[in-house]
Amino acid sequence: MIFKGVCTALVTPFTNKKRVDFKALNKLIDYQINNGIKALLILGTTGENCTINCDEREEIIKFVVSKVKNKCKVIVGTGSNDTHKAIYFTNQAQKLGADACLIVTPYYNKCTQNGVYYHYKNISQNTTLPFFVYNVPSRTGFNMEDSTIKKISTLKNFQGIKEASGDINHILKLFNVLDNKKIYCGNDNLSHIFKCYQANGLISVTSNAYPKQVIMGWKTYKNSLNYNKKFYKCNEMIFCEPNPIPIKYILCRKNFISNSLRMHLTSRQKKNKKILNYILDEME
């Protein structure tokens, strides 16, 4: 078991010149560790991984692993729609000291359920780093069937699944084919449902800004209900525009980072800024 509890899907801060802001990243990591986060997921969707070049990728992994110094686990997003590239990224992450990787299902160049199984099988056969599968149909246009994830779960080094389909029926089927210790919630607004079924953890975007509250909300099912009532509007607004646009704005308002994104992501719309400010004023 790589981790149990809350993992933060960490943003990648940029300077106003769009370079990686390691000073801000250092501050964010301290904030996460000091509040008791169990793991950090870097270079995922929230980390704008598709805009990070190869040199930056290596620098970021080295920096985070060195900074964390085993105070929490480091998970690296190594997924690609090119199986060979995913293998390369996974081996690179292991070489640089990561504890595990998160591998998204193939996107854009569509495949069958059989194809996605062989994607992970090939990665498993050519790497030794523990891996989590990432199911996020809203991003990939592809939803894994429960029978497919059951087959993938037999592969060596399979650690679990970050489930972010948002489909309740699909989620319930998942709990029937996988040990709950292998299931991690990938939707902040559905954490209470996963907690009810005793999922092993939550990989959260909201915890970038509110790690203490998200951790407290995950402790018990009763806590998760209270957390979701209080944070319902906040969790909804964090995804009012493509992630990580809103969460970066929140972190900017909390003076952690500059509100800098890489194209094609653009700053939040004015109408959403007004609503976000209203909700944040209530939260603080």
C-alpha atoms as a PDB file:
ATOM      1  CA  MET A   1       0.000   0.000   0.000  1.00  0.00           C
ATOM      2  CA  ILE A   2       1.606   3.258  -1.157  1.00  0.00           C
ATOM      3  CA  PHE A   3      -0.679   5.524   0.861  1.00  0.00           C
ATOM      4  CA  LYS A   4      -3.959   5.617   2.716  1.00  0.00           C
ATOM      5  CA  GLY A   5      -5.841   8.876   3.220  1.00  0.00           C
ATOM      6  CA  VAL A   6      -5.588  12.107   1.260  1.00  0.00           C
ATOM      7  CA  CYS A   7      -3.249  12.821  -1.636  1.00  0.00           C
ATOM      8  CA  THR A   8      -3.087  16.279  -3.203  1.00  0.00           C
ATOM      9  CA  ALA A   9      -3.067  16.526  -6.992  1.00  0.00           C
ATOM     10  CA  LEU A  10      -0.589  19.396  -6.896  1.00  0.00           C
ATOM     11  CA  VAL A  11      -0.607  22.379  -9.238  1.00  0.00           C
ATOM     12  CA  THR A  12       2.575  23.389 -11.052  1.00  0.00           C
ATOM     13  CA  PRO A  13       3.192  27.070 -10.237  1.00  0.00           C
ATOM     14  CA  PHE A  14       4.578  29.276 -12.987  1.00  0.00           C
ATOM     15  CA  THR A  15       6.188  32.690 -12.872  1.00  0.00           C
ATOM     16  CA  ASN A  16       4.683  35.552 -14.856  1.00  0.00           C
ATOM     17  CA  LYS A  17       7.157  34.596 -17.589  1.00  0.00           C
ATOM     18  CA  LYS A  18       5.635  31.074 -17.640  1.00  0.00           C
ATOM     19  CA  ARG A  19       8.697  29.367 -16.175  1.00  0.00           C
ATOM     20  CA  VAL A  20       8.299  26.797 -13.391  1.00  0.00           C
ATOM     21  CA  ASP A  21       8.239  28.723 -10.109  1.00  0.00           C
ATOM     22  CA  PHE A  22      10.263  26.516  -7.766  1.00  0.00           C
ATOM     23  CA  LYS A  23      10.089  29.051  -4.939  1.00  0.00           C
ATOM     24  CA  ALA A  24       6.284  28.867  -4.967  1.00  0.00           C
ATOM     25  CA  LEU A  25       6.423  25.087  -5.360  1.00  0.00           C
ATOM     26  CA  ASN A  26       8.618  24.886  -2.271  1.00  0.00           C
ATOM     27  CA  LYS A  27       6.057  26.924  -0.317  1.00  0.00           C
ATOM     28  CA  LEU A  28       3.175  24.745  -1.510  1.00  0.00           C
ATOM     29  CA  ILE A  29       4.941  21.527  -0.518  1.00  0.00           C
ATOM     30  CA  ASP A  30       5.660  22.876   2.980  1.00  0.00           C
ATOM     31  CA  TYR A  31       1.984  23.815   3.322  1.00  0.00           C
ATOM     32  CA  GLN A  32       0.891  20.323   2.308  1.00  0.00           C
ATOM     33  CA  ILE A  33       3.331  18.442   4.528  1.00  0.00           C
ATOM     34  CA  ASN A  34       2.753  20.677   7.555  1.00  0.00           C
ATOM     35  CA  ASN A  35      -0.968  19.971   7.303  1.00  0.00           C
ATOM     36  CA  GLY A  36      -0.481  16.198   7.238  1.00  0.00           C
ATOM     37  CA  ILE A  37      -1.046  15.230   3.613  1.00  0.00           C
ATOM     38  CA  LYS A  38      -0.137  11.582   2.922  1.00  0.00           C
ATOM     39  CA  ALA A  39       0.977  11.905  -0.704  1.00  0.00           C
ATOM     40  CA  LEU A  40       1.601  14.408  -3.469  1.00  0.00           C
ATOM     41  CA  LEU A  41       0.634  13.702  -7.052  1.00  0.00           C
ATOM     42  CA  ILE A  42       2.778  15.797  -9.385  1.00  0.00           C
ATOM     43  CA  LEU A  43       2.598  16.225 -13.157  1.00  0.00           C
ATOM     44  CA  GLY A  44      -1.009  15.163 -13.328  1.00  0.00           C
ATOM     45  CA  THR A  45      -3.883  17.036 -14.966  1.00  0.00           C
ATOM     46  CA  THR A  46      -3.852  19.625 -12.174  1.00  0.00           C
ATOM     47  CA  GLY A  47      -0.096  19.992 -12.708  1.00  0.00           C
ATOM     48  CA  GLU A  48      -0.606  20.916 -16.393  1.00  0.00           C
ATOM     49  CA  ASN A  49       1.594  17.976 -17.380  1.00  0.00           C
ATOM     50  CA  CYS A  50       0.839  18.275 -21.097  1.00  0.00           C
ATOM     51  CA  THR A  51       2.588  21.679 -21.206  1.00  0.00           C
ATOM     52  CA  ILE A  52       5.687  20.575 -19.270  1.00  0.00           C
ATOM     53  CA  ASN A  53       8.732  19.896 -21.445  1.00  0.00           C
ATOM     54  CA  CYS A  54      11.172  17.013 -20.866  1.00  0.00           C
ATOM     55  CA  ASP A  55      13.814  19.089 -19.055  1.00  0.00           C
ATOM     56  CA  GLU A  56      11.222  20.682 -16.770  1.00  0.00           C
ATOM     57  CA  ARG A  57       9.707  17.284 -16.049  1.00  0.00           C
ATOM     58  CA  GLU A  58      13.013  15.935 -14.768  1.00  0.00           C
ATOM     59  CA  GLU A  59      13.689  19.101 -12.758  1.00  0.00           C
ATOM     60  CA  ILE A  60      10.260  19.010 -11.095  1.00  0.00           C
ATOM     61  CA  ILE A  61      10.492  15.345 -10.099  1.00  0.00           C
ATOM     62  CA  LYS A  62      14.011  15.800  -8.701  1.00  0.00           C
ATOM     63  CA  PHE A  63      12.985  18.923  -6.795  1.00  0.00           C
ATOM     64  CA  VAL A  64       9.866  17.397  -5.217  1.00  0.00           C
ATOM     65  CA  VAL A  65      11.535  14.102  -4.255  1.00  0.00           C
ATOM     66  CA  SER A  66      14.458  15.983  -2.676  1.00  0.00           C
ATOM     67  CA  LYS A  67      12.155  18.428  -0.883  1.00  0.00           C
ATOM     68  CA  VAL A  68       9.775  15.813   0.506  1.00  0.00           C
ATOM     69  CA  LYS A  69      12.530  13.578   1.937  1.00  0.00           C
ATOM     70  CA  ASN A  70      10.100  10.736   2.742  1.00  0.00           C
ATOM     71  CA  LYS A  71       7.744  12.992   4.744  1.00  0.00           C
ATOM     72  CA  CYS A  72       5.008  11.884   2.368  1.00  0.00           C
ATOM     73  CA  LYS A  73       4.783   9.766  -0.764  1.00  0.00           C
ATOM     74  CA  VAL A  74       5.513  11.171  -4.229  1.00  0.00           C
ATOM     75  CA  ILE A  75       3.366   9.938  -7.117  1.00  0.00           C
ATOM     76  CA  VAL A  76       4.164  11.074 -10.662  1.00  0.00           C
ATOM     77  CA  GLY A  77       1.734  11.297 -13.558  1.00  0.00           C
ATOM     78  CA  THR A  78       3.363   9.183 -16.284  1.00  0.00           C
ATOM     79  CA  GLY A  79       0.410   8.458 -18.549  1.00  0.00           C
ATOM     80  CA  SER A  80       0.342   8.922 -22.306  1.00  0.00           C
ATOM     81  CA  ASN A  81      -1.710   7.802 -25.282  1.00  0.00           C
ATOM     82  CA  ASP A  82       1.588   6.340 -26.541  1.00  0.00           C
ATOM     83  CA  THR A  83       2.338   3.137 -24.586  1.00  0.00           C
ATOM     84  CA  HIS A  84       6.095   3.390 -25.201  1.00  0.00           C
ATOM     85  CA  LYS A  85       6.159   6.977 -23.936  1.00  0.00           C
ATOM     86  CA  ALA A  86       4.247   5.940 -20.787  1.00  0.00           C
ATOM     87  CA  ILE A  87       6.862   3.227 -20.215  1.00  0.00           C
ATOM     88  CA  TYR A  88       9.672   5.777 -20.632  1.00  0.00           C
ATOM     89  CA  PHE A  89       8.050   8.289 -18.240  1.00  0.00           C
ATOM     90  CA  THR A  90       7.395   5.557 -15.665  1.00  0.00           C
ATOM     91  CA  ASN A  91      10.978   4.307 -15.691  1.00  0.00           C
ATOM     92  CA  GLN A  92      12.199   7.903 -15.493  1.00  0.00           C
ATOM     93  CA  ALA A  93      10.019   8.571 -12.426  1.00  0.00           C
ATOM     94  CA  GLN A  94      11.400   5.484 -10.699  1.00  0.00           C
ATOM     95  CA  LYS A  95      14.994   6.426 -11.515  1.00  0.00           C
ATOM     96  CA  LEU A  96      14.414   9.882 -10.007  1.00  0.00           C
ATOM     97  CA  GLY A  97      13.039   8.479  -6.741  1.00  0.00           C
ATOM     98  CA  ALA A  98       9.233   8.506  -7.069  1.00  0.00           C
ATOM     99  CA  ASP A  99       7.247   6.089  -4.892  1.00  0.00           C
ATOM    100  CA  ALA A 100       4.599   5.335  -7.523  1.00  0.00           C
ATOM    101  CA  CYS A 101       3.028   6.641 -10.708  1.00  0.00           C
ATOM    102  CA  LEU A 102      -0.453   7.470 -11.962  1.00  0.00           C
ATOM    103  CA  ILE A 103      -1.212   6.312 -15.501  1.00  0.00           C
ATOM    104  CA  VAL A 104      -4.270   7.702 -17.249  1.00  0.00           C
ATOM    105  CA  THR A 105      -6.187   5.542 -19.715  1.00  0.00           C
ATOM    106  CA  PRO A 106      -5.214   6.163 -23.363  1.00  0.00           C
ATOM    107  CA  TYR A 107      -6.856   9.223 -24.896  1.00  0.00           C
ATOM    108  CA  TYR A 108      -7.552  10.671 -28.361  1.00  0.00           C
ATOM    109  CA  ASN A 109      -6.431   7.683 -30.444  1.00  0.00           C
ATOM    110  CA  LYS A 110      -9.263   5.494 -29.197  1.00  0.00           C
ATOM    111  CA  CYS A 111      -8.873   1.846 -28.243  1.00  0.00           C
ATOM    112  CA  THR A 112     -11.096  -1.054 -27.250  1.00  0.00           C
ATOM    113  CA  GLN A 113     -11.440  -2.421 -23.720  1.00  0.00           C
ATOM    114  CA  ASN A 114      -8.972  -5.095 -24.816  1.00  0.00           C
ATOM    115  CA  GLY A 115      -6.632  -2.383 -26.065  1.00  0.00           C
ATOM    116  CA  VAL A 116      -6.597  -0.558 -22.747  1.00  0.00           C
ATOM    117  CA  TYR A 117      -5.822  -3.815 -20.941  1.00  0.00           C
ATOM    118  CA  TYR A 118      -2.811  -4.454 -23.197  1.00  0.00           C
ATOM    119  CA  HIS A 119      -1.699  -0.837 -22.729  1.00  0.00           C
ATOM    120  CA  TYR A 120      -1.332  -1.455 -18.989  1.00  0.00           C
ATOM    121  CA  LYS A 121      -0.012  -4.989 -19.486  1.00  0.00           C
ATOM    122  CA  ASN A 122       2.839  -3.686 -21.658  1.00  0.00           C
ATOM    123  CA  ILE A 123       3.656  -0.988 -19.104  1.00  0.00           C
ATOM    124  CA  SER A 124       3.600  -3.563 -16.299  1.00  0.00           C
ATOM    125  CA  GLN A 125       5.916  -5.910 -18.208  1.00  0.00           C
ATOM    126  CA  ASN A 126       8.472  -3.173 -18.901  1.00  0.00           C
ATOM    127  CA  THR A 127       8.515  -1.296 -15.578  1.00  0.00           C
ATOM    128  CA  THR A 128       8.728  -2.092 -11.868  1.00  0.00           C
ATOM    129  CA  LEU A 129       7.354   1.093 -10.311  1.00  0.00           C
ATOM    130  CA  PRO A 130       3.987   0.622  -8.515  1.00  0.00           C
ATOM    131  CA  PHE A 131       1.204   2.185 -10.604  1.00  0.00           C
ATOM    132  CA  PHE A 132      -2.309   3.534 -10.183  1.00  0.00           C
ATOM    133  CA  VAL A 133      -4.772   3.498 -13.060  1.00  0.00           C
ATOM    134  CA  TYR A 134      -6.582   6.795 -13.694  1.00  0.00           C
ATOM    135  CA  ASN A 135     -10.098   6.548 -15.094  1.00  0.00           C
ATOM    136  CA  VAL A 136     -11.390   9.995 -16.127  1.00  0.00           C
ATOM    137  CA  PRO A 137     -13.797   9.751 -19.106  1.00  0.00           C
ATOM    138  CA  SER A 138     -14.483  13.509 -19.142  1.00  0.00           C
ATOM    139  CA  ARG A 139     -10.844  13.989 -20.175  1.00  0.00           C
ATOM    140  CA  THR A 140     -10.211  10.871 -22.256  1.00  0.00           C
ATOM    141  CA  GLY A 141     -13.585  10.075 -23.832  1.00  0.00           C
ATOM    142  CA  PHE A 142     -13.076   6.516 -22.607  1.00  0.00           C
ATOM    143  CA  ASN A 143     -14.625   4.723 -19.610  1.00  0.00           C
ATOM    144  CA  MET A 144     -13.155   1.457 -18.394  1.00  0.00           C
ATOM    145  CA  GLU A 145     -15.615  -1.337 -17.819  1.00  0.00           C
ATOM    146  CA  ASP A 146     -15.492  -3.040 -14.421  1.00  0.00           C
ATOM    147  CA  SER A 147     -14.399  -6.306 -16.088  1.00  0.00           C
ATOM    148  CA  THR A 148     -11.435  -4.486 -17.659  1.00  0.00           C
ATOM    149  CA  ILE A 149     -10.207  -2.986 -14.400  1.00  0.00           C
ATOM    150  CA  LYS A 150     -10.586  -6.407 -12.775  1.00  0.00           C
ATOM    151  CA  LYS A 151      -8.187  -7.861 -15.380  1.00  0.00           C
ATOM    152  CA  ILE A 152      -5.764  -4.949 -14.989  1.00  0.00           C
ATOM    153  CA  SER A 153      -5.770  -5.436 -11.211  1.00  0.00           C
ATOM    154  CA  THR A 154      -4.031  -8.815 -11.679  1.00  0.00           C
ATOM    155  CA  LEU A 155      -0.963  -7.174 -13.245  1.00  0.00           C
ATOM    156  CA  LYS A 156       2.191  -6.891 -11.171  1.00  0.00           C
ATOM    157  CA  ASN A 157       2.725  -3.559  -9.406  1.00  0.00           C
ATOM    158  CA  PHE A 158      -0.950  -2.574  -9.746  1.00  0.00           C
ATOM    159  CA  GLN A 159      -1.696  -0.467  -6.651  1.00  0.00           C
ATOM    160  CA  GLY A 160      -5.194   0.803  -7.284  1.00  0.00           C
ATOM    161  CA  ILE A 161      -7.418   3.057  -9.324  1.00  0.00           C
ATOM    162  CA  LYS A 162      -8.143   6.753  -9.150  1.00  0.00           C
ATOM    163  CA  GLU A 163     -11.791   6.676 -10.155  1.00  0.00           C
ATOM    164  CA  ALA A 164     -13.085   9.953 -11.564  1.00  0.00           C
ATOM    165  CA  SER A 165     -15.930   8.958 -13.864  1.00  0.00           C
ATOM    166  CA  GLY A 166     -18.519  10.652 -11.650  1.00  0.00           C
ATOM    167  CA  ASP A 167     -20.904   7.823 -12.604  1.00  0.00           C
ATOM    168  CA  ILE A 168     -22.462   6.427  -9.412  1.00  0.00           C
ATOM    169  CA  ASN A 169     -23.515   3.132 -11.014  1.00  0.00           C
ATOM    170  CA  HIS A 170     -20.018   2.641 -12.391  1.00  0.00           C
ATOM    171  CA  ILE A 171     -18.505   3.433  -8.986  1.00  0.00           C
ATOM    172  CA  LEU A 172     -20.737   0.895  -7.222  1.00  0.00           C
ATOM    173  CA  LYS A 173     -19.783  -1.789  -9.765  1.00  0.00           C
ATOM    174  CA  LEU A 174     -16.139  -0.999  -9.083  1.00  0.00           C
ATOM    175  CA  PHE A 175     -16.557  -1.794  -5.399  1.00  0.00           C
ATOM    176  CA  ASN A 176     -17.953  -5.191  -6.414  1.00  0.00           C
ATOM    177  CA  VAL A 177     -14.917  -6.187  -8.489  1.00  0.00           C
ATOM    178  CA  LEU A 178     -12.046  -4.598  -6.536  1.00  0.00           C
ATOM    179  CA  ASP A 179     -10.882  -4.683  -2.941  1.00  0.00           C
ATOM    180  CA  ASN A 180     -11.873  -1.336  -1.405  1.00  0.00           C
ATOM    181  CA  LYS A 181      -8.200  -0.866  -0.427  1.00  0.00           C
ATOM    182  CA  LYS A 182      -7.430  -0.521  -4.142  1.00  0.00           C
ATOM    183  CA  ILE A 183      -9.999   2.237  -4.787  1.00  0.00           C
ATOM    184  CA  TYR A 184      -9.281   5.960  -4.532  1.00  0.00           C
ATOM    185  CA  CYS A 185     -11.800   8.753  -5.048  1.00  0.00           C
ATOM    186  CA  GLY A 186     -10.936  11.135  -7.861  1.00  0.00           C
ATOM    187  CA  ASN A 187     -13.875  13.548  -7.490  1.00  0.00           C
ATOM    188  CA  ASP A 188     -13.823  15.920  -4.505  1.00  0.00           C
ATOM    189  CA  ASN A 189     -17.603  16.346  -4.551  1.00  0.00           C
ATOM    190  CA  LEU A 190     -18.198  12.566  -4.280  1.00  0.00           C
ATOM    191  CA  SER A 191     -15.756  11.803  -1.471  1.00  0.00           C
ATOM    192  CA  HIS A 192     -18.589  10.984   0.983  1.00  0.00           C
ATOM    193  CA  ILE A 193     -19.822   8.184  -1.285  1.00  0.00           C
ATOM    194  CA  PHE A 194     -16.350   6.624  -1.546  1.00  0.00           C
ATOM    195  CA  LYS A 195     -15.895   7.003   2.209  1.00  0.00           C
ATOM    196  CA  CYS A 196     -19.208   5.232   2.814  1.00  0.00           C
ATOM    197  CA  TYR A 197     -17.853   2.225   0.898  1.00  0.00           C
ATOM    198  CA  GLN A 198     -14.516   2.463   2.745  1.00  0.00           C
ATOM    199  CA  ALA A 199     -12.323   3.446  -0.195  1.00  0.00           C
ATOM    200  CA  ASN A 200      -8.658   3.667   0.675  1.00  0.00           C
ATOM    201  CA  GLY A 201      -8.164   7.335  -0.102  1.00  0.00           C
ATOM    202  CA  LEU A 202      -8.965  10.537  -1.921  1.00  0.00           C
ATOM    203  CA  ILE A 203      -6.831  12.217  -4.589  1.00  0.00           C
ATOM    204  CA  SER A 204      -7.961  15.800  -4.211  1.00  0.00           C
ATOM    205  CA  VAL A 205      -7.720  19.091  -6.072  1.00  0.00           C
ATOM    206  CA  THR A 206      -9.413  21.067  -3.276  1.00  0.00           C
ATOM    207  CA  SER A 207      -6.662  20.080  -0.822  1.00  0.00           C
ATOM    208  CA  ASN A 208      -4.231  22.311  -2.728  1.00  0.00           C
ATOM    209  CA  ALA A 209      -5.879  25.195  -0.880  1.00  0.00           C
ATOM    210  CA  TYR A 210      -7.582  23.431   2.057  1.00  0.00           C
ATOM    211  CA  PRO A 211      -5.530  20.348   3.026  1.00  0.00           C
ATOM    212  CA  LYS A 212      -6.428  20.401   6.721  1.00  0.00           C
ATOM    213  CA  GLN A 213     -10.174  20.549   6.018  1.00  0.00           C
ATOM    214  CA  VAL A 214     -10.061  17.844   3.333  1.00  0.00           C
ATOM    215  CA  ILE A 215      -8.037  15.528   5.604  1.00  0.00           C
ATOM    216  CA  MET A 216     -10.492  16.067   8.458  1.00  0.00           C
ATOM    217  CA  GLY A 217     -13.370  15.399   6.083  1.00  0.00           C
ATOM    218  CA  TRP A 218     -11.891  12.058   5.081  1.00  0.00           C
ATOM    219  CA  LYS A 219     -11.390  10.690   8.613  1.00  0.00           C
ATOM    220  CA  THR A 220     -14.873   9.224   9.103  1.00  0.00           C
ATOM    221  CA  TYR A 221     -18.077   8.891   7.108  1.00  0.00           C
ATOM    222  CA  LYS A 222     -19.795  11.385   9.430  1.00  0.00           C
ATOM    223  CA  ASN A 223     -16.929  13.825   8.893  1.00  0.00           C
ATOM    224  CA  SER A 224     -17.200  13.356   5.127  1.00  0.00           C
ATOM    225  CA  LEU A 225     -20.912  14.247   5.181  1.00  0.00           C
ATOM    226  CA  ASN A 226     -20.250  17.405   7.195  1.00  0.00           C
ATOM    227  CA  TYR A 227     -17.310  18.320   4.952  1.00  0.00           C
ATOM    228  CA  ASN A 228     -19.337  17.879   1.773  1.00  0.00           C
ATOM    229  CA  LYS A 229     -22.140  20.050   3.122  1.00  0.00           C
ATOM    230  CA  LYS A 230     -19.735  22.832   4.008  1.00  0.00           C
ATOM    231  CA  PHE A 231     -17.549  22.541   0.899  1.00  0.00           C
ATOM    232  CA  TYR A 232     -20.243  21.704  -1.661  1.00  0.00           C
ATOM    233  CA  LYS A 233     -20.231  25.141  -3.320  1.00  0.00           C
ATOM    234  CA  CYS A 234     -16.453  25.395  -3.138  1.00  0.00           C
ATOM    235  CA  ASN A 235     -15.943  21.967  -4.743  1.00  0.00           C
ATOM    236  CA  GLU A 236     -18.441  22.834  -7.464  1.00  0.00           C
ATOM    237  CA  MET A 237     -16.744  26.142  -8.248  1.00  0.00           C
ATOM    238  CA  ILE A 238     -13.280  24.568  -8.323  1.00  0.00           C
ATOM    239  CA  PHE A 239     -14.523  22.781 -11.433  1.00  0.00           C
ATOM    240  CA  CYS A 240     -16.649  25.606 -12.901  1.00  0.00           C
ATOM    241  CA  GLU A 241     -13.945  25.907 -15.571  1.00  0.00           C
ATOM    242  CA  PRO A 242     -11.339  23.381 -16.704  1.00  0.00           C
ATOM    243  CA  ASN A 243      -9.029  22.318 -13.881  1.00  0.00           C
ATOM    244  CA  PRO A 244      -6.621  23.871 -12.788  1.00  0.00           C
ATOM    245  CA  ILE A 245      -7.942  27.338 -13.752  1.00  0.00           C
ATOM    246  CA  PRO A 246     -10.119  27.893 -10.628  1.00  0.00           C
ATOM    247  CA  ILE A 247      -7.788  26.249  -8.080  1.00  0.00           C
ATOM    248  CA  LYS A 248      -4.872  28.351  -9.314  1.00  0.00           C
ATOM    249  CA  TYR A 249      -6.968  31.476  -8.865  1.00  0.00           C
ATOM    250  CA  ILE A 250      -7.804  30.392  -5.287  1.00  0.00           C
ATOM    251  CA  LEU A 251      -4.134  29.706  -4.510  1.00  0.00           C
ATOM    252  CA  CYS A 252      -3.227  33.094  -5.950  1.00  0.00           C
ATOM    253  CA  ARG A 253      -5.779  34.759  -3.705  1.00  0.00           C
ATOM    254  CA  LYS A 254      -4.260  32.918  -0.753  1.00  0.00           C
ATOM    255  CA  ASN A 255      -0.807  34.272  -1.783  1.00  0.00           C
ATOM    256  CA  PHE A 256       0.788  30.934  -2.598  1.00  0.00           C
ATOM    257  CA  ILE A 257       1.346  31.368  -6.333  1.00  0.00           C
ATOM    258  CA  SER A 258       0.865  33.814  -9.179  1.00  0.00           C
ATOM    259  CA  ASN A 259      -2.234  33.211 -11.270  1.00  0.00           C
ATOM    260  CA  SER A 260      -0.156  32.020 -14.216  1.00  0.00           C
ATOM    261  CA  LEU A 261      -1.284  29.320 -16.645  1.00  0.00           C
ATOM    262  CA  ARG A 262       0.185  27.980 -19.847  1.00  0.00           C
ATOM    263  CA  MET A 263      -1.706  28.166 -23.113  1.00  0.00           C
ATOM    264  CA  HIS A 264      -4.224  26.979 -24.070  1.00  0.00           C
ATOM    265  CA  LEU A 265      -5.520  27.536 -20.536  1.00  0.00           C
ATOM    266  CA  THR A 266      -6.694  31.079 -19.889  1.00  0.00           C
ATOM    267  CA  SER A 267      -7.606  33.022 -16.766  1.00  0.00           C
ATOM    268  CA  ARG A 268     -11.033  32.497 -15.173  1.00  0.00           C
ATOM    269  CA  GLN A 269     -14.002  34.327 -16.645  1.00  0.00           C
ATOM    270  CA  LYS A 270     -15.218  37.490 -14.910  1.00  0.00           C
ATOM    271  CA  LYS A 271     -18.583  35.998 -13.983  1.00  0.00           C
ATOM    272  CA  ASN A 272     -16.849  33.046 -12.270  1.00  0.00           C
ATOM    273  CA  LYS A 273     -14.334  35.312 -10.521  1.00  0.00           C
ATOM    274  CA  LYS A 274     -17.207  37.107  -8.815  1.00  0.00           C
ATOM    275  CA  ILE A 275     -18.784  33.847  -7.631  1.00  0.00           C
ATOM    276  CA  LEU A 276     -15.433  32.399  -6.553  1.00  0.00           C
ATOM    277  CA  ASN A 277     -14.642  35.514  -4.516  1.00  0.00           C
ATOM    278  CA  TYR A 278     -18.034  35.331  -2.811  1.00  0.00           C
ATOM    279  CA  ILE A 279     -17.572  31.645  -1.893  1.00  0.00           C
ATOM    280  CA  LEU A 280     -13.985  32.170  -0.759  1.00  0.00           C
ATOM    281  CA  ASP A 281     -14.987  35.073   1.462  1.00  0.00           C
ATOM    282  CA  GLU A 282     -17.486  32.716   3.120  1.00  0.00           C
ATOM    283  CA  MET A 283     -14.846  29.997   3.532  1.00  0.00           C
ATOM    284  CA  GLU A 284     -12.112  32.139   5.067  1.00  0.00           C
END
